[in-house]
Amino acid sequence: MYSREESQKLKREFWVAFAEKHPRKWVLYDTKIKDFSFKFYVDNKKAQVLIDIEHRSDEKRTAYFEKIEALKNILEEEFIKDLVFEKNYTLESGKTISRIWIEKQGVGFSNRNNWESIFDFFFEKMNALEMFYLEYDEFIKDIENN
């Protein structure tokens, strides 16, 4: 078991190694939609690539989620399969958001032998989500015409 400091150091090394393997600027928070972001997540059980829609207005949050959900067939046929769509996802903090994600189970950042497969998973899945978003962002952003 790692101490908290050792775990944080290892996590930093993990992210530096990922950035060195895939040196590029990801969209992440730069979606031009308030509280709509792409995220990487890794712990000691799984790795995830996420779209989090955290708008304070439930109406707007739901509208953005439903826009993506309306494109689900295209998204899964042309970009990425096996996504999980959850309109009302509750964070540990108790906050309700909308989340769309894919995960790889049985991997963790504390095992360096997992890093390569996590990096490949992150790159492949986030790249696919970004390509989808860049192609359909105007449709997604236009929630006034639901």
N, C-alpha and C. Protein backbone atom coordinates (compact mmCIF):
# COMPACT_ATOMS: atom_id res chain seq x y z
N MET A 1 0.84 -1.19 0.00
CA MET A 1 0.00 0.00 0.00
C MET A 1 0.89 1.25 0.00
N TYR A 2 0.47 2.22 -0.74
CA TYR A 2 1.22 3.48 -0.85
C TYR A 2 0.72 4.49 0.16
N SER A 3 1.64 5.33 0.65
CA SER A 3 1.21 6.45 1.48
C SER A 3 0.51 7.45 0.55
N ARG A 4 -0.16 8.40 1.14
CA ARG A 4 -0.86 9.41 0.34
C ARG A 4 0.12 10.17 -0.56
N GLU A 5 1.28 10.53 -0.01
CA GLU A 5 2.28 11.27 -0.77
C GLU A 5 2.84 10.42 -1.92
N GLU A 6 3.11 9.14 -1.63
CA GLU A 6 3.63 8.25 -2.67
C GLU A 6 2.59 8.06 -3.78
N SER A 7 1.34 7.95 -3.39
CA SER A 7 0.26 7.78 -4.36
C SER A 7 0.14 9.03 -5.25
N GLN A 8 0.23 10.21 -4.64
CA GLN A 8 0.14 11.45 -5.42
C GLN A 8 1.33 11.58 -6.37
N LYS A 9 2.52 11.21 -5.89
CA LYS A 9 3.71 11.26 -6.74
C LYS A 9 3.57 10.30 -7.92
N LEU A 10 3.10 9.10 -7.66
CA LEU A 10 2.91 8.11 -8.71
C LEU A 10 1.86 8.60 -9.72
N LYS A 11 0.80 9.20 -9.22
CA LYS A 11 -0.24 9.72 -10.11
C LYS A 11 0.33 10.84 -10.99
N ARG A 12 1.17 11.70 -10.43
CA ARG A 12 1.82 12.75 -11.23
C ARG A 12 2.69 12.13 -12.31
N GLU A 13 3.47 11.11 -11.94
CA GLU A 13 4.32 10.42 -12.91
C GLU A 13 3.48 9.79 -14.02
N PHE A 14 2.34 9.23 -13.64
CA PHE A 14 1.43 8.63 -14.61
C PHE A 14 1.00 9.67 -15.64
N TRP A 15 0.53 10.84 -15.18
CA TRP A 15 0.03 11.87 -16.11
C TRP A 15 1.15 12.45 -16.95
N VAL A 16 2.34 12.60 -16.39
CA VAL A 16 3.48 13.08 -17.18
C VAL A 16 3.82 12.07 -18.27
N ALA A 17 3.84 10.80 -17.91
CA ALA A 17 4.14 9.74 -18.90
C ALA A 17 3.08 9.72 -20.00
N PHE A 18 1.82 9.90 -19.63
CA PHE A 18 0.76 9.94 -20.64
C PHE A 18 0.96 11.12 -21.58
N ALA A 19 1.25 12.29 -21.04
CA ALA A 19 1.46 13.48 -21.86
C ALA A 19 2.67 13.32 -22.78
N GLU A 20 3.70 12.61 -22.32
CA GLU A 20 4.87 12.38 -23.16
C GLU A 20 4.55 11.39 -24.28
N LYS A 21 3.74 10.39 -23.99
CA LYS A 21 3.39 9.40 -25.01
C LYS A 21 2.44 9.99 -26.04
N HIS A 22 1.52 10.82 -25.61
CA HIS A 22 0.53 11.43 -26.51
C HIS A 22 0.55 12.95 -26.34
N PRO A 23 1.61 13.58 -26.87
CA PRO A 23 1.74 15.04 -26.70
C PRO A 23 0.79 15.80 -27.64
N ARG A 24 -0.33 16.15 -27.14
CA ARG A 24 -1.29 16.93 -27.92
C ARG A 24 -2.19 17.69 -26.97
N LYS A 25 -2.86 18.68 -27.52
CA LYS A 25 -3.81 19.46 -26.72
C LYS A 25 -5.18 18.82 -26.88
N TRP A 26 -5.74 18.39 -25.77
CA TRP A 26 -7.07 17.78 -25.76
C TRP A 26 -8.11 18.87 -25.59
N VAL A 27 -9.34 18.63 -26.06
CA VAL A 27 -10.42 19.61 -25.91
C VAL A 27 -10.74 19.81 -24.42
N LEU A 28 -10.95 18.74 -23.69
CA LEU A 28 -11.27 18.73 -22.27
C LEU A 28 -12.28 19.82 -21.87
N TYR A 29 -11.82 20.92 -21.26
CA TYR A 29 -12.74 21.95 -20.79
C TYR A 29 -13.01 23.02 -21.84
N ASP A 30 -12.32 22.98 -22.96
CA ASP A 30 -12.42 24.02 -23.99
C ASP A 30 -13.50 23.68 -25.02
N THR A 31 -14.71 23.39 -24.54
CA THR A 31 -15.80 22.97 -25.43
C THR A 31 -16.64 24.15 -25.93
N LYS A 32 -16.44 25.31 -25.33
CA LYS A 32 -17.24 26.51 -25.62
C LYS A 32 -18.68 26.35 -25.12
N ILE A 33 -18.90 25.37 -24.25
CA ILE A 33 -20.19 25.20 -23.58
C ILE A 33 -19.91 25.23 -22.08
N LYS A 34 -20.60 26.10 -21.39
CA LYS A 34 -20.40 26.23 -19.94
C LYS A 34 -20.75 24.91 -19.24
N ASP A 35 -19.85 24.47 -18.37
CA ASP A 35 -20.06 23.28 -17.55
C ASP A 35 -20.27 22.00 -18.37
N PHE A 36 -19.61 21.92 -19.51
CA PHE A 36 -19.67 20.75 -20.40
C PHE A 36 -18.22 20.40 -20.70
N SER A 37 -17.75 19.25 -20.21
CA SER A 37 -16.33 18.96 -20.37
C SER A 37 -16.05 17.47 -20.60
N PHE A 38 -14.91 17.24 -21.19
CA PHE A 38 -14.37 15.90 -21.41
C PHE A 38 -13.33 15.67 -20.32
N LYS A 39 -13.31 14.45 -19.77
CA LYS A 39 -12.37 14.18 -18.67
C LYS A 39 -11.77 12.79 -18.79
N PHE A 40 -10.54 12.70 -18.30
CA PHE A 40 -9.88 11.41 -18.09
C PHE A 40 -9.99 11.11 -16.60
N TYR A 41 -10.18 9.84 -16.26
CA TYR A 41 -10.20 9.46 -14.85
C TYR A 41 -9.51 8.11 -14.71
N VAL A 42 -8.70 7.99 -13.70
CA VAL A 42 -8.08 6.69 -13.40
C VAL A 42 -7.93 6.57 -11.89
N ASP A 43 -8.21 5.37 -11.38
CA ASP A 43 -7.94 5.05 -9.98
C ASP A 43 -7.25 3.69 -9.97
N ASN A 44 -7.39 2.93 -8.93
CA ASN A 44 -6.71 1.64 -8.90
C ASN A 44 -7.57 0.46 -9.32
N LYS A 45 -8.74 0.75 -9.87
CA LYS A 45 -9.63 -0.32 -10.34
C LYS A 45 -10.03 -0.16 -11.79
N LYS A 46 -9.99 1.10 -12.28
CA LYS A 46 -10.51 1.35 -13.62
C LYS A 46 -9.95 2.65 -14.20
N ALA A 47 -10.09 2.75 -15.52
CA ALA A 47 -9.79 3.98 -16.24
C ALA A 47 -11.06 4.37 -16.98
N GLN A 48 -11.36 5.66 -17.04
CA GLN A 48 -12.57 6.13 -17.70
C GLN A 48 -12.28 7.34 -18.57
N VAL A 49 -13.04 7.45 -19.64
CA VAL A 49 -13.09 8.65 -20.46
C VAL A 49 -14.53 9.11 -20.35
N LEU A 50 -14.72 10.39 -19.98
CA LEU A 50 -16.04 10.89 -19.61
C LEU A 50 -16.41 12.17 -20.35
N ILE A 51 -17.71 12.34 -20.54
CA ILE A 51 -18.28 13.65 -20.84
C ILE A 51 -19.15 13.97 -19.64
N ASP A 52 -18.83 15.07 -18.96
CA ASP A 52 -19.62 15.51 -17.82
C ASP A 52 -20.37 16.78 -18.19
N ILE A 53 -21.67 16.78 -17.96
CA ILE A 53 -22.51 17.95 -18.18
C ILE A 53 -23.00 18.37 -16.81
N GLU A 54 -22.44 19.49 -16.32
CA GLU A 54 -22.66 19.88 -14.92
C GLU A 54 -23.42 21.20 -14.78
N HIS A 55 -24.18 21.57 -15.79
CA HIS A 55 -24.88 22.84 -15.77
C HIS A 55 -25.81 22.93 -14.56
N ARG A 56 -25.83 24.09 -13.92
CA ARG A 56 -26.67 24.29 -12.73
C ARG A 56 -28.15 24.15 -13.06
N SER A 57 -28.51 24.58 -14.25
CA SER A 57 -29.90 24.48 -14.68
C SER A 57 -30.18 23.05 -15.14
N ASP A 58 -31.06 22.36 -14.43
CA ASP A 58 -31.41 20.99 -14.83
C ASP A 58 -31.95 20.97 -16.26
N GLU A 59 -32.68 22.00 -16.62
CA GLU A 59 -33.27 22.07 -17.96
C GLU A 59 -32.17 22.10 -19.03
N LYS A 60 -31.17 22.95 -18.84
CA LYS A 60 -30.07 23.04 -19.83
C LYS A 60 -29.21 21.77 -19.80
N ARG A 61 -28.93 21.27 -18.61
CA ARG A 61 -28.15 20.04 -18.49
C ARG A 61 -28.83 18.92 -19.25
N THR A 62 -30.13 18.77 -19.04
CA THR A 62 -30.89 17.73 -19.72
C THR A 62 -30.93 17.97 -21.23
N ALA A 63 -31.05 19.22 -21.65
CA ALA A 63 -31.10 19.53 -23.08
C ALA A 63 -29.80 19.12 -23.77
N TYR A 64 -28.65 19.42 -23.17
CA TYR A 64 -27.36 19.02 -23.76
C TYR A 64 -27.25 17.49 -23.80
N PHE A 65 -27.64 16.85 -22.71
CA PHE A 65 -27.58 15.39 -22.66
C PHE A 65 -28.44 14.79 -23.76
N GLU A 66 -29.66 15.30 -23.91
CA GLU A 66 -30.57 14.76 -24.92
C GLU A 66 -30.08 15.01 -26.34
N LYS A 67 -29.35 16.10 -26.55
CA LYS A 67 -28.75 16.35 -27.87
C LYS A 67 -27.77 15.23 -28.21
N ILE A 68 -26.93 14.88 -27.26
CA ILE A 68 -25.96 13.81 -27.52
C ILE A 68 -26.67 12.47 -27.64
N GLU A 69 -27.66 12.27 -26.80
CA GLU A 69 -28.42 11.03 -26.85
C GLU A 69 -29.11 10.86 -28.21
N ALA A 70 -29.56 11.98 -28.80
CA ALA A 70 -30.19 11.93 -30.12
C ALA A 70 -29.20 11.47 -31.20
N LEU A 71 -27.92 11.67 -30.94
CA LEU A 71 -26.86 11.27 -31.88
C LEU A 71 -26.25 9.92 -31.53
N LYS A 72 -26.83 9.22 -30.56
CA LYS A 72 -26.24 7.99 -30.03
C LYS A 72 -25.92 6.96 -31.12
N ASN A 73 -26.83 6.75 -32.05
CA ASN A 73 -26.58 5.76 -33.11
C ASN A 73 -25.36 6.13 -33.95
N ILE A 74 -25.28 7.39 -34.34
CA ILE A 74 -24.12 7.86 -35.11
C ILE A 74 -22.86 7.72 -34.27
N LEU A 75 -22.93 8.15 -33.04
CA LEU A 75 -21.79 8.09 -32.13
C LEU A 75 -21.28 6.66 -32.01
N GLU A 76 -22.18 5.71 -31.81
CA GLU A 76 -21.76 4.32 -31.61
C GLU A 76 -21.37 3.63 -32.91
N GLU A 77 -21.98 4.00 -34.03
CA GLU A 77 -21.63 3.35 -35.30
C GLU A 77 -20.35 3.90 -35.91
N GLU A 78 -20.11 5.19 -35.74
CA GLU A 78 -18.99 5.82 -36.42
C GLU A 78 -17.80 6.17 -35.54
N PHE A 79 -18.01 6.27 -34.22
CA PHE A 79 -16.94 6.78 -33.38
C PHE A 79 -16.54 5.86 -32.23
N ILE A 80 -17.50 5.48 -31.39
CA ILE A 80 -17.15 4.76 -30.17
C ILE A 80 -18.34 3.93 -29.68
N LYS A 81 -18.12 2.67 -29.43
CA LYS A 81 -19.18 1.77 -28.96
C LYS A 81 -19.12 1.63 -27.43
N ASP A 82 -20.17 1.07 -26.89
CA ASP A 82 -20.22 0.70 -25.46
C ASP A 82 -20.18 1.86 -24.48
N LEU A 83 -20.69 3.01 -24.88
CA LEU A 83 -20.79 4.14 -23.95
C LEU A 83 -21.95 3.92 -22.99
N VAL A 84 -21.79 4.44 -21.79
CA VAL A 84 -22.86 4.41 -20.80
C VAL A 84 -23.43 5.83 -20.74
N PHE A 85 -24.75 5.94 -20.89
CA PHE A 85 -25.43 7.23 -20.84
C PHE A 85 -26.23 7.29 -19.54
N GLU A 86 -25.97 8.29 -18.72
CA GLU A 86 -26.73 8.44 -17.49
C GLU A 86 -27.14 9.91 -17.34
N LYS A 87 -28.43 10.14 -17.53
CA LYS A 87 -28.96 11.52 -17.48
C LYS A 87 -28.82 12.12 -16.09
N ASN A 88 -29.07 11.32 -15.06
CA ASN A 88 -29.00 11.81 -13.68
C ASN A 88 -27.98 10.98 -12.89
N TYR A 89 -26.73 11.40 -12.99
CA TYR A 89 -25.63 10.71 -12.31
C TYR A 89 -25.31 11.50 -11.05
N THR A 90 -25.26 10.83 -9.91
CA THR A 90 -24.98 11.52 -8.65
C THR A 90 -23.52 11.34 -8.28
N LEU A 91 -22.83 12.47 -8.14
CA LEU A 91 -21.43 12.47 -7.71
C LEU A 91 -21.35 12.17 -6.22
N GLU A 92 -20.15 11.83 -5.74
CA GLU A 92 -19.96 11.59 -4.30
C GLU A 92 -20.39 12.78 -3.47
N SER A 93 -20.25 13.98 -4.03
CA SER A 93 -20.62 15.21 -3.32
C SER A 93 -22.13 15.37 -3.17
N GLY A 94 -22.89 14.54 -3.91
CA GLY A 94 -24.34 14.64 -3.87
C GLY A 94 -24.91 15.43 -5.04
N LYS A 95 -24.03 16.09 -5.79
CA LYS A 95 -24.46 16.88 -6.94
C LYS A 95 -24.90 15.95 -8.07
N THR A 96 -25.99 16.31 -8.75
CA THR A 96 -26.47 15.53 -9.87
C THR A 96 -26.00 16.17 -11.17
N ILE A 97 -25.37 15.36 -12.01
CA ILE A 97 -24.90 15.81 -13.31
C ILE A 97 -25.41 14.81 -14.34
N SER A 98 -25.13 15.09 -15.61
CA SER A 98 -25.35 14.09 -16.65
C SER A 98 -23.97 13.62 -17.07
N ARG A 99 -23.83 12.32 -17.29
CA ARG A 99 -22.51 11.76 -17.60
C ARG A 99 -22.66 10.71 -18.69
N ILE A 100 -21.71 10.76 -19.61
CA ILE A 100 -21.58 9.75 -20.66
C ILE A 100 -20.15 9.26 -20.56
N TRP A 101 -19.97 7.94 -20.50
CA TRP A 101 -18.60 7.46 -20.30
C TRP A 101 -18.40 6.06 -20.83
N ILE A 102 -17.13 5.73 -20.90
CA ILE A 102 -16.70 4.37 -21.20
C ILE A 102 -15.58 4.06 -20.23
N GLU A 103 -15.50 2.80 -19.81
CA GLU A 103 -14.44 2.47 -18.86
C GLU A 103 -13.76 1.16 -19.18
N LYS A 104 -12.55 1.08 -18.70
CA LYS A 104 -11.74 -0.14 -18.79
C LYS A 104 -11.54 -0.61 -17.36
N GLN A 105 -12.09 -1.77 -17.03
CA GLN A 105 -12.01 -2.32 -15.68
C GLN A 105 -10.70 -3.10 -15.49
N GLY A 106 -10.31 -3.26 -14.25
CA GLY A 106 -9.18 -4.13 -13.92
C GLY A 106 -7.81 -3.53 -14.18
N VAL A 107 -7.75 -2.20 -14.29
CA VAL A 107 -6.46 -1.52 -14.46
C VAL A 107 -6.36 -0.41 -13.43
N GLY A 108 -5.14 -0.04 -13.08
CA GLY A 108 -4.95 1.03 -12.12
C GLY A 108 -3.63 1.73 -12.31
N PHE A 109 -3.59 2.99 -11.90
CA PHE A 109 -2.38 3.78 -12.10
C PHE A 109 -1.22 3.32 -11.22
N SER A 110 -1.49 2.63 -10.11
CA SER A 110 -0.39 2.24 -9.22
C SER A 110 0.40 1.05 -9.75
N ASN A 111 -0.12 0.38 -10.77
CA ASN A 111 0.63 -0.71 -11.40
C ASN A 111 1.17 -0.21 -12.74
N ARG A 112 2.47 0.06 -12.77
CA ARG A 112 3.08 0.60 -13.99
C ARG A 112 2.88 -0.31 -15.20
N ASN A 113 2.68 -1.60 -14.97
CA ASN A 113 2.43 -2.53 -16.07
C ASN A 113 1.10 -2.23 -16.78
N ASN A 114 0.20 -1.52 -16.12
CA ASN A 114 -1.10 -1.14 -16.71
C ASN A 114 -1.01 0.13 -17.55
N TRP A 115 0.03 0.92 -17.33
CA TRP A 115 0.07 2.25 -17.91
C TRP A 115 -0.10 2.24 -19.42
N GLU A 116 0.61 1.38 -20.11
CA GLU A 116 0.55 1.36 -21.58
C GLU A 116 -0.88 1.11 -22.06
N SER A 117 -1.57 0.14 -21.46
CA SER A 117 -2.93 -0.16 -21.91
C SER A 117 -3.89 0.98 -21.54
N ILE A 118 -3.67 1.64 -20.40
CA ILE A 118 -4.50 2.79 -20.03
C ILE A 118 -4.26 3.93 -21.00
N PHE A 119 -2.98 4.20 -21.31
CA PHE A 119 -2.66 5.28 -22.24
C PHE A 119 -3.32 5.04 -23.59
N ASP A 120 -3.25 3.80 -24.08
CA ASP A 120 -3.87 3.47 -25.37
C ASP A 120 -5.39 3.62 -25.30
N PHE A 121 -5.98 3.16 -24.21
CA PHE A 121 -7.42 3.30 -24.00
C PHE A 121 -7.80 4.78 -23.98
N PHE A 122 -7.09 5.59 -23.18
CA PHE A 122 -7.37 7.02 -23.10
C PHE A 122 -7.29 7.67 -24.48
N PHE A 123 -6.20 7.39 -25.18
CA PHE A 123 -6.00 8.03 -26.48
C PHE A 123 -7.10 7.64 -27.46
N GLU A 124 -7.35 6.36 -27.58
CA GLU A 124 -8.33 5.88 -28.55
C GLU A 124 -9.73 6.42 -28.25
N LYS A 125 -10.16 6.32 -27.02
CA LYS A 125 -11.53 6.70 -26.68
C LYS A 125 -11.72 8.21 -26.65
N MET A 126 -10.78 8.96 -26.07
CA MET A 126 -10.93 10.42 -26.03
C MET A 126 -10.83 10.99 -27.44
N ASN A 127 -9.92 10.45 -28.24
CA ASN A 127 -9.79 10.92 -29.61
C ASN A 127 -11.12 10.72 -30.36
N ALA A 128 -11.75 9.56 -30.18
CA ALA A 128 -13.03 9.27 -30.83
C ALA A 128 -14.11 10.24 -30.35
N LEU A 129 -14.18 10.48 -29.04
CA LEU A 129 -15.19 11.42 -28.51
C LEU A 129 -14.95 12.84 -29.05
N GLU A 130 -13.69 13.25 -29.10
CA GLU A 130 -13.39 14.58 -29.62
C GLU A 130 -13.74 14.71 -31.10
N MET A 131 -13.44 13.68 -31.88
CA MET A 131 -13.76 13.72 -33.31
C MET A 131 -15.28 13.85 -33.49
N PHE A 132 -16.03 13.09 -32.71
CA PHE A 132 -17.49 13.19 -32.73
C PHE A 132 -17.92 14.61 -32.37
N TYR A 133 -17.38 15.13 -31.28
CA TYR A 133 -17.78 16.46 -30.81
C TYR A 133 -17.45 17.53 -31.84
N LEU A 134 -16.26 17.46 -32.42
CA LEU A 134 -15.88 18.48 -33.40
C LEU A 134 -16.77 18.44 -34.63
N GLU A 135 -17.29 17.27 -34.96
CA GLU A 135 -18.19 17.16 -36.11
C GLU A 135 -19.60 17.64 -35.78
N TYR A 136 -20.05 17.45 -34.54
CA TYR A 136 -21.44 17.74 -34.18
C TYR A 136 -21.61 18.85 -33.14
N ASP A 137 -20.55 19.59 -32.85
CA ASP A 137 -20.63 20.59 -31.78
C ASP A 137 -21.68 21.67 -32.04
N GLU A 138 -21.86 22.09 -33.28
CA GLU A 138 -22.86 23.13 -33.56
C GLU A 138 -24.26 22.63 -33.22
N PHE A 139 -24.55 21.39 -33.56
CA PHE A 139 -25.85 20.79 -33.23
C PHE A 139 -26.02 20.69 -31.71
N ILE A 140 -24.96 20.23 -31.02
CA ILE A 140 -25.03 20.06 -29.57
C ILE A 140 -25.21 21.40 -28.87
N LYS A 141 -24.47 22.41 -29.32
CA LYS A 141 -24.52 23.73 -28.68
C LYS A 141 -25.88 24.39 -28.83
N ASP A 142 -26.59 24.08 -29.90
CA ASP A 142 -27.84 24.76 -30.23
C ASP A 142 -29.01 24.14 -29.47
N ILE A 143 -29.06 24.36 -28.16
CA ILE A 143 -30.14 23.77 -27.36
C ILE A 143 -31.42 24.60 -27.44
N GLU A 144 -31.34 25.78 -28.01
CA GLU A 144 -32.54 26.61 -28.15
C GLU A 144 -33.53 25.98 -29.12
N ASN A 145 -33.00 25.20 -30.08
CA ASN A 145 -33.85 24.56 -31.09
C ASN A 145 -33.95 23.07 -30.83
N ASN A 146 -34.37 22.71 -29.67
CA ASN A 146 -34.46 21.30 -29.30
C ASN A 146 -35.45 20.54 -30.13
